[in-house]
Amino acid sequence: MATNADSREPEREPEPTSRTGPGSFSVPRPMPPSGPRSFVQLILGGFAGTIVLAIIMFLLEPVLISRSPDPFQVIGVEVSHPRGLGMILFHFFNGSIVFPIGFGFLAGRLRVPWLAKGLIWGIILWLLGGLIVMPISGFGLFGYEVDGLKIAASSLLAHLAYGAIQGLFASIPPREPD
C-alpha cells in the first residue's frame, strides 16, 4: 500500500529523558520558579513589613522593656530636627526598597517555602543590626547596653515579623491573564 509523502506527519524527536532507575525513564519536569514573582510584590512586602516592624518597636517594645511609649524617643530622634525625620525616612527607604531587593536575591537561591525564606531573611537582618548597626549607634551588641536581652528579643520578634510579611507577600501567586 502506497502512502502519500505529503500526508505523512513529520517524525517527532524523542523527549529528553533521564534515567531514574534500572530500565526506567522519565521526563524531567521543570522546577517552579523560586524567585519572587514581581518587583512590586517585593516592594509592597517590604513596606508592609516595615510598618509592622515599626508598630512592634514603637508599641510592643516599650511594654516589654518598660520604656517610654513615645515612639520617637524610643529611636532617639527628634522629628522637628531634620536629622530625626531623615532617620525615619532612611529606615522606611531601607525597609521598603533596599532590603526587599536583598530578599529577592536570597529568595531565588533558597529551596524552602516562602514563609521560611522570609523568616531566614528576618534573622539575617536582625543579626546585621545587632552585630553592626546597634554597636555603631552606641547601644552595644544587640542593644545589650540599653536593656540587656529584652531589646534583643523584641528586635528579633520585630525582624521575624518583617521577614514573614516579606515572604508572604512574595508568595502571592501571579494573577492569570483574563
C-alpha atoms as a PDB file:
ATOM      1  CA  MET A   1       0.000   0.000   0.000  1.00  0.00           C
ATOM      2  CA  ALA A   2       1.495   3.281  -1.090  1.00  0.00           C
ATOM      3  CA  THR A   3       1.403   6.378   1.111  1.00  0.00           C
ATOM      4  CA  ASN A   4       1.491   9.943   0.027  1.00  0.00           C
ATOM      5  CA  ALA A   5       4.611  11.692   1.327  1.00  0.00           C
ATOM      6  CA  ASP A   6       2.667  14.953   1.758  1.00  0.00           C
ATOM      7  CA  SER A   7       0.085  13.389   4.093  1.00  0.00           C
ATOM      8  CA  ARG A   8       2.615  11.888   6.481  1.00  0.00           C
ATOM      9  CA  GLU A   9       3.278  13.660   9.741  1.00  0.00           C
ATOM     10  CA  PRO A  10       6.885  14.600  10.387  1.00  0.00           C
ATOM     11  CA  GLU A  11       8.684  12.329  12.770  1.00  0.00           C
ATOM     12  CA  ARG A  12       8.996  13.772  16.255  1.00  0.00           C
ATOM     13  CA  GLU A  13      12.226  13.924  18.148  1.00  0.00           C
ATOM     14  CA  PRO A  14      12.103  11.912  21.355  1.00  0.00           C
ATOM     15  CA  GLU A  15      11.665  13.965  24.546  1.00  0.00           C
ATOM     16  CA  PRO A  16      14.824  14.317  26.633  1.00  0.00           C
ATOM     17  CA  THR A  17      14.726  11.811  29.419  1.00  0.00           C
ATOM     18  CA  SER A  18      16.693  10.924  32.473  1.00  0.00           C
ATOM     19  CA  ARG A  19      17.269   7.534  33.971  1.00  0.00           C
ATOM     20  CA  THR A  20      15.843   7.223  37.463  1.00  0.00           C
ATOM     21  CA  GLY A  21      16.401   3.549  37.982  1.00  0.00           C
ATOM     22  CA  PRO A  22      17.416   0.416  36.146  1.00  0.00           C
ATOM     23  CA  GLY A  23      15.474   0.249  32.903  1.00  0.00           C
ATOM     24  CA  SER A  24      13.174   3.186  33.683  1.00  0.00           C
ATOM     25  CA  PHE A  25      12.975   6.527  32.005  1.00  0.00           C
ATOM     26  CA  SER A  26      11.083   9.636  32.997  1.00  0.00           C
ATOM     27  CA  VAL A  27      10.637  13.061  31.518  1.00  0.00           C
ATOM     28  CA  PRO A  28      12.208  15.739  33.722  1.00  0.00           C
ATOM     29  CA  ARG A  29       9.737  18.314  34.953  1.00  0.00           C
ATOM     30  CA  PRO A  30      10.633  21.985  35.099  1.00  0.00           C
ATOM     31  CA  MET A  31      11.157  23.357  38.577  1.00  0.00           C
ATOM     32  CA  PRO A  32       8.689  26.045  39.643  1.00  0.00           C
ATOM     33  CA  PRO A  33      10.275  29.467  39.888  1.00  0.00           C
ATOM     34  CA  SER A  34      11.780  30.025  43.312  1.00  0.00           C
ATOM     35  CA  GLY A  35      12.391  33.739  42.988  1.00  0.00           C
ATOM     36  CA  PRO A  36       9.861  36.451  43.728  1.00  0.00           C
ATOM     37  CA  ARG A  37       7.126  36.783  41.188  1.00  0.00           C
ATOM     38  CA  SER A  38       7.407  40.558  40.766  1.00  0.00           C
ATOM     39  CA  PHE A  39       9.408  43.546  41.901  1.00  0.00           C
ATOM     40  CA  VAL A  40       6.182  45.226  43.038  1.00  0.00           C
ATOM     41  CA  GLN A  41       5.475  42.322  45.401  1.00  0.00           C
ATOM     42  CA  LEU A  42       8.907  42.753  46.944  1.00  0.00           C
ATOM     43  CA  ILE A  43       8.400  46.484  47.466  1.00  0.00           C
ATOM     44  CA  LEU A  44       4.866  46.100  48.868  1.00  0.00           C
ATOM     45  CA  GLY A  45       6.021  43.294  51.157  1.00  0.00           C
ATOM     46  CA  GLY A  46       8.919  45.400  52.382  1.00  0.00           C
ATOM     47  CA  PHE A  47       6.699  48.418  53.010  1.00  0.00           C
ATOM     48  CA  ALA A  48       4.079  46.357  54.869  1.00  0.00           C
ATOM     49  CA  GLY A  49       6.815  44.586  56.838  1.00  0.00           C
ATOM     50  CA  THR A  50       8.412  47.913  57.767  1.00  0.00           C
ATOM     51  CA  ILE A  51       5.095  49.212  59.079  1.00  0.00           C
ATOM     52  CA  VAL A  52       4.597  46.081  61.210  1.00  0.00           C
ATOM     53  CA  LEU A  53       8.216  46.249  62.433  1.00  0.00           C
ATOM     54  CA  ALA A  54       7.686  49.902  63.423  1.00  0.00           C
ATOM     55  CA  ILE A  55       4.451  49.063  65.244  1.00  0.00           C
ATOM     56  CA  ILE A  56       6.183  46.310  67.197  1.00  0.00           C
ATOM     57  CA  MET A  57       9.156  48.510  68.019  1.00  0.00           C
ATOM     58  CA  PHE A  58       7.018  51.525  68.967  1.00  0.00           C
ATOM     59  CA  LEU A  59       4.106  49.844  70.742  1.00  0.00           C
ATOM     60  CA  LEU A  60       5.182  46.426  71.970  1.00  0.00           C
ATOM     61  CA  GLU A  61       8.812  47.090  72.865  1.00  0.00           C
ATOM     62  CA  PRO A  62       8.041  49.863  75.383  1.00  0.00           C
ATOM     63  CA  VAL A  63       5.682  47.476  77.198  1.00  0.00           C
ATOM     64  CA  LEU A  64       8.256  44.677  77.184  1.00  0.00           C
ATOM     65  CA  ILE A  65      11.142  46.735  78.473  1.00  0.00           C
ATOM     66  CA  SER A  66       9.292  49.413  80.488  1.00  0.00           C
ATOM     67  CA  ARG A  67      10.468  52.278  78.346  1.00  0.00           C
ATOM     68  CA  SER A  68       8.767  55.498  77.298  1.00  0.00           C
ATOM     69  CA  PRO A  69       5.870  54.859  74.901  1.00  0.00           C
ATOM     70  CA  ASP A  70       6.888  57.911  72.839  1.00  0.00           C
ATOM     71  CA  PRO A  71       7.912  56.268  69.544  1.00  0.00           C
ATOM     72  CA  PHE A  72      10.329  58.979  68.551  1.00  0.00           C
ATOM     73  CA  GLN A  73      12.081  58.921  71.899  1.00  0.00           C
ATOM     74  CA  VAL A  74      12.379  55.135  71.525  1.00  0.00           C
ATOM     75  CA  ILE A  75      14.523  55.513  68.410  1.00  0.00           C
ATOM     76  CA  GLY A  76      16.249  58.532  69.877  1.00  0.00           C
ATOM     77  CA  VAL A  77      15.301  61.093  67.248  1.00  0.00           C
ATOM     78  CA  GLU A  78      13.543  64.410  67.361  1.00  0.00           C
ATOM     79  CA  VAL A  79      11.095  64.745  64.488  1.00  0.00           C
ATOM     80  CA  SER A  80      11.327  68.527  64.455  1.00  0.00           C
ATOM     81  CA  HIS A  81      15.040  68.175  63.703  1.00  0.00           C
ATOM     82  CA  PRO A  82      15.895  67.449  60.044  1.00  0.00           C
ATOM     83  CA  ARG A  83      18.122  64.550  61.074  1.00  0.00           C
ATOM     84  CA  GLY A  84      15.289  62.943  63.045  1.00  0.00           C
ATOM     85  CA  LEU A  85      12.917  62.992  60.117  1.00  0.00           C
ATOM     86  CA  GLY A  86      15.766  61.854  57.875  1.00  0.00           C
ATOM     87  CA  MET A  87      16.385  58.829  60.118  1.00  0.00           C
ATOM     88  CA  ILE A  88      12.739  57.787  59.912  1.00  0.00           C
ATOM     89  CA  LEU A  89      12.714  58.192  56.112  1.00  0.00           C
ATOM     90  CA  PHE A  90      16.016  56.324  55.888  1.00  0.00           C
ATOM     91  CA  HIS A  91      14.553  53.360  57.820  1.00  0.00           C
ATOM     92  CA  PHE A  92      11.465  53.256  55.602  1.00  0.00           C
ATOM     93  CA  PHE A  93      13.596  53.519  52.450  1.00  0.00           C
ATOM     94  CA  ASN A  94      15.788  50.619  53.575  1.00  0.00           C
ATOM     95  CA  GLY A  95      12.821  48.516  54.679  1.00  0.00           C
ATOM     96  CA  SER A  96      10.776  49.223  51.559  1.00  0.00           C
ATOM     97  CA  ILE A  97      13.402  49.307  48.799  1.00  0.00           C
ATOM     98  CA  VAL A  98      16.902  48.125  49.773  1.00  0.00           C
ATOM     99  CA  PHE A  99      16.069  45.123  51.962  1.00  0.00           C
ATOM    100  CA  PRO A 100      13.362  43.759  49.612  1.00  0.00           C
ATOM    101  CA  ILE A 101      15.942  43.717  46.807  1.00  0.00           C
ATOM    102  CA  GLY A 102      18.261  41.755  49.095  1.00  0.00           C
ATOM    103  CA  PHE A 103      15.395  39.424  49.933  1.00  0.00           C
ATOM    104  CA  GLY A 104      14.735  38.858  46.238  1.00  0.00           C
ATOM    105  CA  PHE A 105      18.380  37.932  45.746  1.00  0.00           C
ATOM    106  CA  LEU A 106      18.296  35.498  48.679  1.00  0.00           C
ATOM    107  CA  ALA A 107      14.873  34.017  47.897  1.00  0.00           C
ATOM    108  CA  GLY A 108      15.913  32.972  44.407  1.00  0.00           C
ATOM    109  CA  ARG A 109      18.646  30.793  45.890  1.00  0.00           C
ATOM    110  CA  LEU A 110      16.729  29.024  48.644  1.00  0.00           C
ATOM    111  CA  ARG A 111      14.578  25.964  48.003  1.00  0.00           C
ATOM    112  CA  VAL A 112      12.337  26.301  51.042  1.00  0.00           C
ATOM    113  CA  PRO A 113       8.757  27.611  51.436  1.00  0.00           C
ATOM    114  CA  TRP A 114       8.254  31.355  51.152  1.00  0.00           C
ATOM    115  CA  LEU A 115       7.491  31.847  54.803  1.00  0.00           C
ATOM    116  CA  ALA A 116      10.767  30.135  55.718  1.00  0.00           C
ATOM    117  CA  LYS A 117      12.623  32.362  53.228  1.00  0.00           C
ATOM    118  CA  GLY A 118      11.132  35.409  54.917  1.00  0.00           C
ATOM    119  CA  LEU A 119      11.980  34.201  58.414  1.00  0.00           C
ATOM    120  CA  ILE A 120      15.563  33.456  57.356  1.00  0.00           C
ATOM    121  CA  TRP A 121      15.769  36.966  55.899  1.00  0.00           C
ATOM    122  CA  GLY A 122      14.418  38.444  59.140  1.00  0.00           C
ATOM    123  CA  ILE A 123      17.078  36.611  61.147  1.00  0.00           C
ATOM    124  CA  ILE A 124      19.813  37.819  58.773  1.00  0.00           C
ATOM    125  CA  LEU A 125      18.643  41.442  59.158  1.00  0.00           C
ATOM    126  CA  TRP A 126      18.425  41.049  62.937  1.00  0.00           C
ATOM    127  CA  LEU A 127      21.967  39.673  63.069  1.00  0.00           C
ATOM    128  CA  LEU A 128      23.292  42.503  60.890  1.00  0.00           C
ATOM    129  CA  GLY A 129      21.509  45.075  63.026  1.00  0.00           C
ATOM    130  CA  GLY A 130      22.605  43.541  66.312  1.00  0.00           C
ATOM    131  CA  LEU A 131      26.204  42.928  65.323  1.00  0.00           C
ATOM    132  CA  ILE A 132      26.882  46.062  63.253  1.00  0.00           C
ATOM    133  CA  VAL A 133      24.240  48.816  63.455  1.00  0.00           C
ATOM    134  CA  MET A 134      23.500  48.761  67.185  1.00  0.00           C
ATOM    135  CA  PRO A 135      27.162  48.776  68.287  1.00  0.00           C
ATOM    136  CA  ILE A 136      27.890  51.645  65.878  1.00  0.00           C
ATOM    137  CA  SER A 137      24.897  53.519  67.328  1.00  0.00           C
ATOM    138  CA  GLY A 138      26.308  53.121  70.840  1.00  0.00           C
ATOM    139  CA  PHE A 139      23.781  50.540  72.088  1.00  0.00           C
ATOM    140  CA  GLY A 140      26.264  47.656  72.303  1.00  0.00           C
ATOM    141  CA  LEU A 141      25.866  44.218  70.749  1.00  0.00           C
ATOM    142  CA  PHE A 142      22.153  43.613  70.117  1.00  0.00           C
ATOM    143  CA  GLY A 143      21.369  46.643  72.300  1.00  0.00           C
ATOM    144  CA  TYR A 144      22.642  44.889  75.410  1.00  0.00           C
ATOM    145  CA  GLU A 145      23.949  48.121  76.947  1.00  0.00           C
ATOM    146  CA  VAL A 146      20.470  49.664  76.790  1.00  0.00           C
ATOM    147  CA  ASP A 147      18.197  46.990  78.270  1.00  0.00           C
ATOM    148  CA  GLY A 148      20.055  43.705  78.284  1.00  0.00           C
ATOM    149  CA  LEU A 149      18.482  40.867  76.369  1.00  0.00           C
ATOM    150  CA  LYS A 150      14.977  42.366  76.349  1.00  0.00           C
ATOM    151  CA  ILE A 151      15.747  44.714  73.488  1.00  0.00           C
ATOM    152  CA  ALA A 152      17.446  41.905  71.546  1.00  0.00           C
ATOM    153  CA  ALA A 153      14.345  39.723  71.977  1.00  0.00           C
ATOM    154  CA  SER A 154      11.899  42.433  70.919  1.00  0.00           C
ATOM    155  CA  SER A 155      14.127  43.325  67.966  1.00  0.00           C
ATOM    156  CA  LEU A 156      14.219  39.663  66.922  1.00  0.00           C
ATOM    157  CA  LEU A 157      10.426  39.480  67.126  1.00  0.00           C
ATOM    158  CA  ALA A 158      10.089  42.627  65.004  1.00  0.00           C
ATOM    159  CA  HIS A 159      12.555  41.379  62.363  1.00  0.00           C
ATOM    160  CA  LEU A 160      10.876  37.958  62.210  1.00  0.00           C
ATOM    161  CA  ALA A 161       7.535  39.705  61.636  1.00  0.00           C
ATOM    162  CA  TYR A 162       9.134  41.845  58.901  1.00  0.00           C
ATOM    163  CA  GLY A 163      10.617  38.775  57.207  1.00  0.00           C
ATOM    164  CA  ALA A 164       7.410  36.744  57.497  1.00  0.00           C
ATOM    165  CA  ILE A 165       5.376  39.504  55.869  1.00  0.00           C
ATOM    166  CA  GLN A 166       8.024  39.913  53.156  1.00  0.00           C
ATOM    167  CA  GLY A 167       7.891  36.175  52.459  1.00  0.00           C
ATOM    168  CA  LEU A 168       4.090  36.070  52.456  1.00  0.00           C
ATOM    169  CA  PHE A 169       3.817  38.966  50.005  1.00  0.00           C
ATOM    170  CA  ALA A 170       6.355  37.329  47.704  1.00  0.00           C
ATOM    171  CA  SER A 171       4.420  34.044  47.820  1.00  0.00           C
ATOM    172  CA  ILE A 172       1.231  35.503  46.355  1.00  0.00           C
ATOM    173  CA  PRO A 173       0.745  33.767  43.008  1.00  0.00           C
ATOM    174  CA  PRO A 174       0.531  35.974  39.942  1.00  0.00           C
ATOM    175  CA  ARG A 175      -2.876  36.786  38.512  1.00  0.00           C
ATOM    176  CA  GLU A 176      -3.783  34.824  35.468  1.00  0.00           C
ATOM    177  CA  PRO A 177      -4.475  36.989  32.418  1.00  0.00           C
ATOM    178  CA  ASP A 178      -8.171  37.493  31.714  1.00  0.00           C
END
